[in-house]
Amino acid sequence: MIPLVADALGWRSLIATRVPLPARSVVFARWIGESVNGLLPVAQVGGNVVKANIVARRGMPGTFAGATVVVDVTTLVGSQVAFTLLGLAFLLVRIGGSEVATTALVGSIAMGLAVAGFYLLQRRGGFGWLARRLAGVVPGELSRKLAAGAGTLDQDVAWLYARGRALGRAFGWHLASWIVGTGEVWLALYFLGHPVDLGTAFLLESLGQAIRAAAFAVPGALGVQEAGFVLLGPVLAVAPETALALSLAKRVRELALGLPGLVAWQIEEANALLLARTDGTRMESPRMECP
């Protein structure tokens, strides 16, 4: 739960540049978004759309909500690259070169290049470019609305990237979130009867998260996370069965947070639909005229 709150505060650092949204609203939206991304086959995209919609209902302009999500995802992945590189450097100091270190290095470089490419696409008006490419596919009026929305989104994204302090705070909160995850690994192994030092827990978390990130298209990285921990375990003197138990313990935590999050999401959507219908009924009701 603590990493989720830290990530939410990182996102709120961007939101607060324009809208003073309460922290509890941002944590709620983040919780639901991560639940959707973690448990549903949405390729880590659907949850971001959901959380943008949630904060938009709480007073944020829709395009600005989307812009904060885009920039926040960029800073989040950038902080993960930094976290993985820290783990890789520590691994090289601790045990020297290995196949795992080589794999982690290649993965980190690929992730870093992807983040850099995504950042450059945003800075060069990528959403407007995409809208123009779709102009010949969608109907005329919809195409114009799409182009206008994409142009506003590009402007909001550029505006956020000009807010250096807010970006720094967002990056710092996200990096803190990854580091706090080390404590989760340490505690899980302690209660599993295989206590390790914080250095080993840090390596398992940093390199394990890198392996999981590589499988972003797989819902919840099912199977990939388990294979990653089993691969890392022997390198760090953790038995394969213990590494697998650690992965399953993390799954329990994900389900404990994710399943209630999906329920809360359905309640949120039902309330929004009910409110929309109520407002529509009020607008359509004829006015009573006085005799």
Protein backbone atom coordinates (compact mmCIF):
# COMPACT_ATOMS: atom_id res chain seq x y z
CA MET A 1 0.00 0.00 0.00
CA ILE A 2 2.86 2.41 0.81
CA PRO A 3 4.37 2.17 -2.73
CA LEU A 4 0.93 2.89 -4.20
CA VAL A 5 0.54 6.01 -2.04
CA ALA A 6 4.04 7.19 -3.00
CA ASP A 7 3.23 6.76 -6.69
CA ALA A 8 -0.03 8.64 -6.20
CA LEU A 9 1.82 11.53 -4.55
CA GLY A 10 4.22 11.59 -7.49
CA TRP A 11 1.28 11.91 -9.87
CA ARG A 12 -0.29 14.57 -7.64
CA SER A 13 2.91 16.63 -7.95
CA LEU A 14 2.00 17.08 -11.60
CA ILE A 15 -1.72 17.58 -10.99
CA ALA A 16 -1.07 20.27 -8.37
CA THR A 17 0.65 22.49 -10.93
CA ARG A 18 -2.82 23.51 -12.05
CA VAL A 19 -5.54 21.86 -9.91
CA PRO A 20 -5.33 21.48 -6.08
CA LEU A 21 -6.90 18.02 -6.06
CA PRO A 22 -7.01 16.35 -2.60
CA ALA A 23 -4.47 13.59 -2.06
CA ARG A 24 -7.20 11.07 -1.18
CA SER A 25 -8.82 11.55 -4.60
CA VAL A 26 -5.52 10.93 -6.38
CA VAL A 27 -4.75 7.86 -4.25
CA PHE A 28 -8.24 6.51 -5.00
CA ALA A 29 -7.79 7.00 -8.75
CA ARG A 30 -4.31 5.46 -8.65
CA TRP A 31 -5.58 2.46 -6.71
CA ILE A 32 -8.30 1.74 -9.25
CA GLY A 33 -5.98 2.34 -12.20
CA GLU A 34 -3.36 -0.07 -10.89
CA SER A 35 -6.07 -2.64 -10.11
CA VAL A 36 -7.28 -2.49 -13.71
CA ASN A 37 -3.77 -2.66 -15.15
CA GLY A 38 -2.72 -5.47 -12.84
CA LEU A 39 -5.70 -7.80 -13.14
CA LEU A 40 -7.27 -7.13 -16.55
CA PRO A 41 -5.87 -7.73 -20.08
CA VAL A 42 -5.42 -4.05 -20.94
CA ALA A 43 -1.66 -3.98 -21.75
CA GLN A 44 -1.00 -1.45 -18.92
CA VAL A 45 -3.04 1.15 -20.84
CA GLY A 46 -6.66 0.73 -19.77
CA GLY A 47 -5.96 1.55 -16.14
CA ASN A 48 -4.35 4.85 -17.12
CA VAL A 49 -7.48 5.84 -19.06
CA VAL A 50 -9.65 4.88 -16.10
CA LYS A 51 -7.71 6.93 -13.57
CA ALA A 52 -7.67 9.96 -15.89
CA ASN A 53 -11.45 9.75 -16.14
CA ILE A 54 -11.79 9.50 -12.36
CA VAL A 55 -9.79 12.66 -11.62
CA ALA A 56 -11.55 14.45 -14.49
CA ARG A 57 -14.86 13.82 -12.73
CA ARG A 58 -13.43 15.53 -9.68
CA GLY A 59 -12.85 18.89 -11.31
CA MET A 60 -9.91 18.52 -13.70
CA PRO A 61 -10.14 19.41 -17.41
CA GLY A 62 -10.19 16.15 -19.34
CA THR A 63 -7.22 16.90 -21.57
CA PHE A 64 -5.10 18.08 -18.64
CA ALA A 65 -5.96 14.90 -16.73
CA GLY A 66 -4.77 12.89 -19.72
CA ALA A 67 -1.60 14.98 -19.97
CA THR A 68 -0.72 14.38 -16.31
CA VAL A 69 -1.14 10.64 -16.82
CA VAL A 70 1.11 10.66 -19.91
CA VAL A 71 3.87 12.64 -18.20
CA ASP A 72 3.50 10.63 -14.99
CA VAL A 73 3.91 7.33 -16.86
CA THR A 74 7.07 8.71 -18.46
CA THR A 75 8.58 9.75 -15.12
CA LEU A 76 7.50 6.44 -13.56
CA VAL A 77 9.24 4.34 -16.20
CA GLY A 78 12.25 6.66 -16.10
CA SER A 79 12.52 6.12 -12.34
CA GLN A 80 12.26 2.37 -12.88
CA VAL A 81 15.17 2.50 -15.31
CA ALA A 82 17.19 4.34 -12.64
CA PHE A 83 16.14 1.79 -10.01
CA THR A 84 17.14 -1.12 -12.26
CA LEU A 85 20.51 0.45 -13.04
CA LEU A 86 21.14 0.88 -9.31
CA GLY A 87 20.33 -2.79 -8.79
CA LEU A 88 22.55 -3.79 -11.71
CA ALA A 89 25.47 -1.75 -10.39
CA PHE A 90 25.08 -3.34 -6.96
CA LEU A 91 24.90 -6.80 -8.53
CA LEU A 92 28.15 -6.23 -10.43
CA VAL A 93 29.88 -5.04 -7.25
CA ARG A 94 28.53 -7.95 -5.25
CA ILE A 95 29.05 -10.95 -7.54
CA GLY A 96 30.67 -9.59 -10.69
CA GLY A 97 29.51 -10.33 -14.22
CA SER A 98 26.89 -12.99 -14.84
CA GLU A 99 24.23 -13.99 -17.35
CA VAL A 100 21.60 -12.32 -15.19
CA ALA A 101 23.60 -9.07 -15.11
CA THR A 102 23.95 -9.12 -18.89
CA THR A 103 20.22 -9.74 -19.34
CA ALA A 104 19.36 -6.93 -16.92
CA LEU A 105 21.73 -4.54 -18.69
CA VAL A 106 20.23 -5.28 -22.10
CA GLY A 107 16.74 -4.88 -20.69
CA SER A 108 17.64 -1.58 -19.02
CA ILE A 109 19.10 -0.18 -22.22
CA ALA A 110 16.01 -1.21 -24.18
CA MET A 111 13.72 0.32 -21.56
CA GLY A 112 15.76 3.52 -21.48
CA LEU A 113 15.61 3.85 -25.27
CA ALA A 114 11.85 3.28 -25.19
CA VAL A 115 11.40 6.02 -22.56
CA ALA A 116 13.59 8.41 -24.55
CA GLY A 117 11.62 7.70 -27.73
CA PHE A 118 8.30 8.20 -25.96
CA TYR A 119 9.54 11.46 -24.46
CA LEU A 120 10.70 12.79 -27.84
CA LEU A 121 7.38 11.81 -29.40
CA GLN A 122 5.53 13.80 -26.75
CA ARG A 123 7.75 16.87 -27.12
CA ARG A 124 7.23 16.89 -30.89
CA GLY A 125 3.44 16.89 -30.76
CA GLY A 126 2.95 13.16 -31.09
CA PHE A 127 -0.76 13.19 -30.26
CA GLY A 128 -1.51 15.81 -32.91
CA TRP A 129 0.51 13.79 -35.42
CA LEU A 130 -1.52 10.67 -34.58
CA ALA A 131 -4.80 12.60 -34.95
CA ARG A 132 -3.73 13.78 -38.40
CA ARG A 133 -2.93 10.22 -39.42
CA LEU A 134 -6.45 9.20 -38.36
CA ALA A 135 -8.11 12.05 -40.25
CA GLY A 136 -8.79 9.90 -43.30
CA VAL A 137 -10.26 7.06 -41.25
CA VAL A 138 -12.80 8.74 -38.96
CA PRO A 139 -15.77 10.93 -40.04
CA GLY A 140 -15.22 14.65 -40.64
CA GLU A 141 -16.77 16.13 -37.47
CA LEU A 142 -15.21 13.48 -35.24
CA SER A 143 -11.88 14.03 -36.96
CA ARG A 144 -12.00 17.76 -36.20
CA LYS A 145 -12.86 17.14 -32.55
CA LEU A 146 -10.08 14.56 -32.31
CA ALA A 147 -7.56 16.98 -33.82
CA ALA A 148 -8.61 19.77 -31.45
CA GLY A 149 -8.37 17.50 -28.41
CA ALA A 150 -4.99 16.14 -29.49
CA GLY A 151 -3.66 19.67 -30.01
CA THR A 152 -4.75 20.69 -26.51
CA LEU A 153 -3.22 17.52 -25.08
CA ASP A 154 0.11 18.27 -26.77
CA GLN A 155 0.05 21.79 -25.31
CA ASP A 156 -0.71 20.51 -21.80
CA VAL A 157 2.05 17.90 -22.02
CA ALA A 158 4.57 20.55 -23.15
CA TRP A 159 3.38 22.85 -20.32
CA LEU A 160 3.98 20.09 -17.75
CA TYR A 161 7.46 19.34 -19.05
CA ALA A 162 8.32 22.99 -18.47
CA ARG A 163 7.58 22.51 -14.75
CA GLY A 164 10.99 21.22 -13.66
CA ARG A 165 10.34 21.18 -9.91
CA ALA A 166 7.10 19.25 -10.28
CA LEU A 167 8.84 16.73 -12.55
CA GLY A 168 11.63 16.34 -10.02
CA ARG A 169 9.16 15.71 -7.20
CA ALA A 170 7.24 13.19 -9.30
CA PHE A 171 10.46 11.35 -10.18
CA GLY A 172 11.56 11.36 -6.53
CA TRP A 173 8.24 9.95 -5.27
CA HIS A 174 8.28 7.20 -7.91
CA LEU A 175 11.88 6.25 -7.12
CA ALA A 176 10.98 6.15 -3.42
CA SER A 177 8.08 3.84 -4.29
CA TRP A 178 10.43 1.37 -5.99
CA ILE A 179 12.86 1.49 -3.07
CA VAL A 180 10.08 0.92 -0.51
CA GLY A 181 9.22 -2.25 -2.44
CA THR A 182 12.52 -3.64 -1.17
CA GLY A 183 11.02 -3.73 2.32
CA GLU A 184 8.10 -5.78 1.04
CA VAL A 185 10.49 -8.41 -0.35
CA TRP A 186 12.54 -8.43 2.87
CA LEU A 187 9.44 -8.92 5.04
CA ALA A 188 7.98 -11.60 2.76
CA LEU A 189 11.18 -13.66 2.84
CA TYR A 190 11.43 -13.20 6.60
CA PHE A 191 7.94 -14.62 7.15
CA LEU A 192 8.62 -17.37 4.62
CA GLY A 193 11.43 -18.56 6.89
CA HIS A 194 14.26 -17.47 4.59
CA PRO A 195 15.49 -14.12 5.95
CA VAL A 196 17.93 -12.20 3.75
CA ASP A 197 19.87 -8.97 4.07
CA LEU A 198 18.47 -5.74 2.63
CA GLY A 199 21.00 -5.88 -0.22
CA THR A 200 19.63 -9.19 -1.47
CA ALA A 201 16.07 -7.91 -1.10
CA PHE A 202 17.02 -4.81 -3.09
CA LEU A 203 18.46 -6.92 -5.91
CA LEU A 204 15.43 -9.20 -6.04
CA GLU A 205 13.07 -6.23 -6.22
CA SER A 206 15.01 -4.07 -8.70
CA LEU A 207 15.87 -6.82 -11.16
CA GLY A 208 12.58 -8.65 -10.65
CA GLN A 209 10.59 -5.51 -11.46
CA ALA A 210 12.68 -5.02 -14.61
CA ILE A 211 11.81 -8.53 -15.79
CA ARG A 212 8.14 -7.92 -15.00
CA ALA A 213 8.13 -4.63 -16.90
CA ALA A 214 9.39 -6.41 -20.01
CA ALA A 215 6.12 -8.39 -20.03
CA PHE A 216 3.82 -5.34 -19.92
CA ALA A 217 1.50 -6.88 -22.51
CA VAL A 218 0.86 -9.96 -20.34
CA PRO A 219 -1.94 -9.38 -17.77
CA GLY A 220 -0.25 -9.14 -14.39
CA ALA A 221 2.94 -10.54 -15.98
CA LEU A 222 1.53 -13.98 -15.18
CA GLY A 223 4.27 -16.57 -15.36
CA VAL A 224 6.92 -14.01 -16.24
CA GLN A 225 7.30 -12.70 -12.70
CA GLU A 226 7.54 -16.24 -11.36
CA ALA A 227 10.16 -17.24 -13.93
CA GLY A 228 12.14 -14.09 -13.18
CA PHE A 229 12.33 -14.78 -9.44
CA VAL A 230 13.25 -18.42 -10.04
CA LEU A 231 16.05 -17.22 -12.34
CA LEU A 232 17.31 -14.60 -9.89
CA GLY A 233 17.05 -16.76 -6.77
CA PRO A 234 20.06 -19.10 -7.25
CA VAL A 235 22.27 -16.15 -8.23
CA LEU A 236 21.50 -14.54 -4.87
CA ALA A 237 21.62 -17.76 -2.81
CA VAL A 238 17.83 -18.03 -2.63
CA ALA A 239 16.42 -21.49 -3.35
CA PRO A 240 14.14 -21.73 -6.41
CA GLU A 241 11.19 -22.90 -4.30
CA THR A 242 11.66 -19.94 -1.95
CA ALA A 243 11.88 -17.53 -4.88
CA LEU A 244 8.66 -18.99 -6.28
CA ALA A 245 6.98 -18.64 -2.88
CA LEU A 246 8.08 -14.98 -2.82
CA SER A 247 6.44 -14.38 -6.19
CA LEU A 248 3.22 -16.00 -4.99
CA ALA A 249 3.29 -13.87 -1.84
CA LYS A 250 3.47 -10.76 -4.03
CA ARG A 251 0.51 -12.12 -6.00
CA VAL A 252 -1.52 -12.35 -2.79
CA ARG A 253 -0.78 -8.68 -2.09
CA GLU A 254 -1.80 -7.73 -5.63
CA LEU A 255 -5.08 -9.61 -5.33
CA ALA A 256 -5.77 -8.19 -1.86
CA LEU A 257 -5.51 -4.66 -3.28
CA GLY A 258 -6.65 -5.31 -6.85
CA LEU A 259 -9.91 -7.17 -6.36
CA PRO A 260 -11.43 -4.54 -4.04
CA GLY A 261 -10.10 -1.95 -6.50
CA LEU A 262 -12.08 -3.50 -9.34
CA VAL A 263 -15.20 -3.52 -7.16
CA ALA A 264 -14.63 0.14 -6.26
CA TRP A 265 -14.23 0.90 -9.96
CA GLN A 266 -17.62 -0.63 -10.77
CA ILE A 267 -19.22 1.35 -7.96
CA GLU A 268 -17.55 4.52 -9.25
CA GLU A 269 -18.81 3.93 -12.80
CA ALA A 270 -22.32 3.05 -11.59
CA ASN A 271 -22.51 6.25 -9.54
CA ALA A 272 -21.27 8.31 -12.50
CA LEU A 273 -23.88 6.74 -14.78
CA LEU A 274 -26.63 7.32 -12.24
CA LEU A 275 -25.59 10.95 -11.81
CA ALA A 276 -25.55 11.48 -15.58
CA ARG A 277 -29.03 10.01 -15.93
CA THR A 278 -30.34 12.12 -13.04
CA ASP A 279 -28.92 15.30 -14.55
CA GLY A 280 -30.38 14.37 -17.94
CA THR A 281 -33.81 13.79 -16.43
CA ARG A 282 -33.72 17.18 -14.70
CA MET A 283 -32.85 18.93 -17.94
CA GLU A 284 -35.65 17.20 -19.84
CA SER A 285 -38.34 17.77 -17.18
CA PRO A 286 -40.90 20.48 -18.26
CA ARG A 287 -41.07 23.58 -16.12
CA MET A 288 -44.19 24.14 -14.06
CA GLU A 289 -45.92 27.37 -15.04
CA CYS A 290 -47.68 29.47 -12.49
CA PRO A 291 -51.40 30.13 -13.26
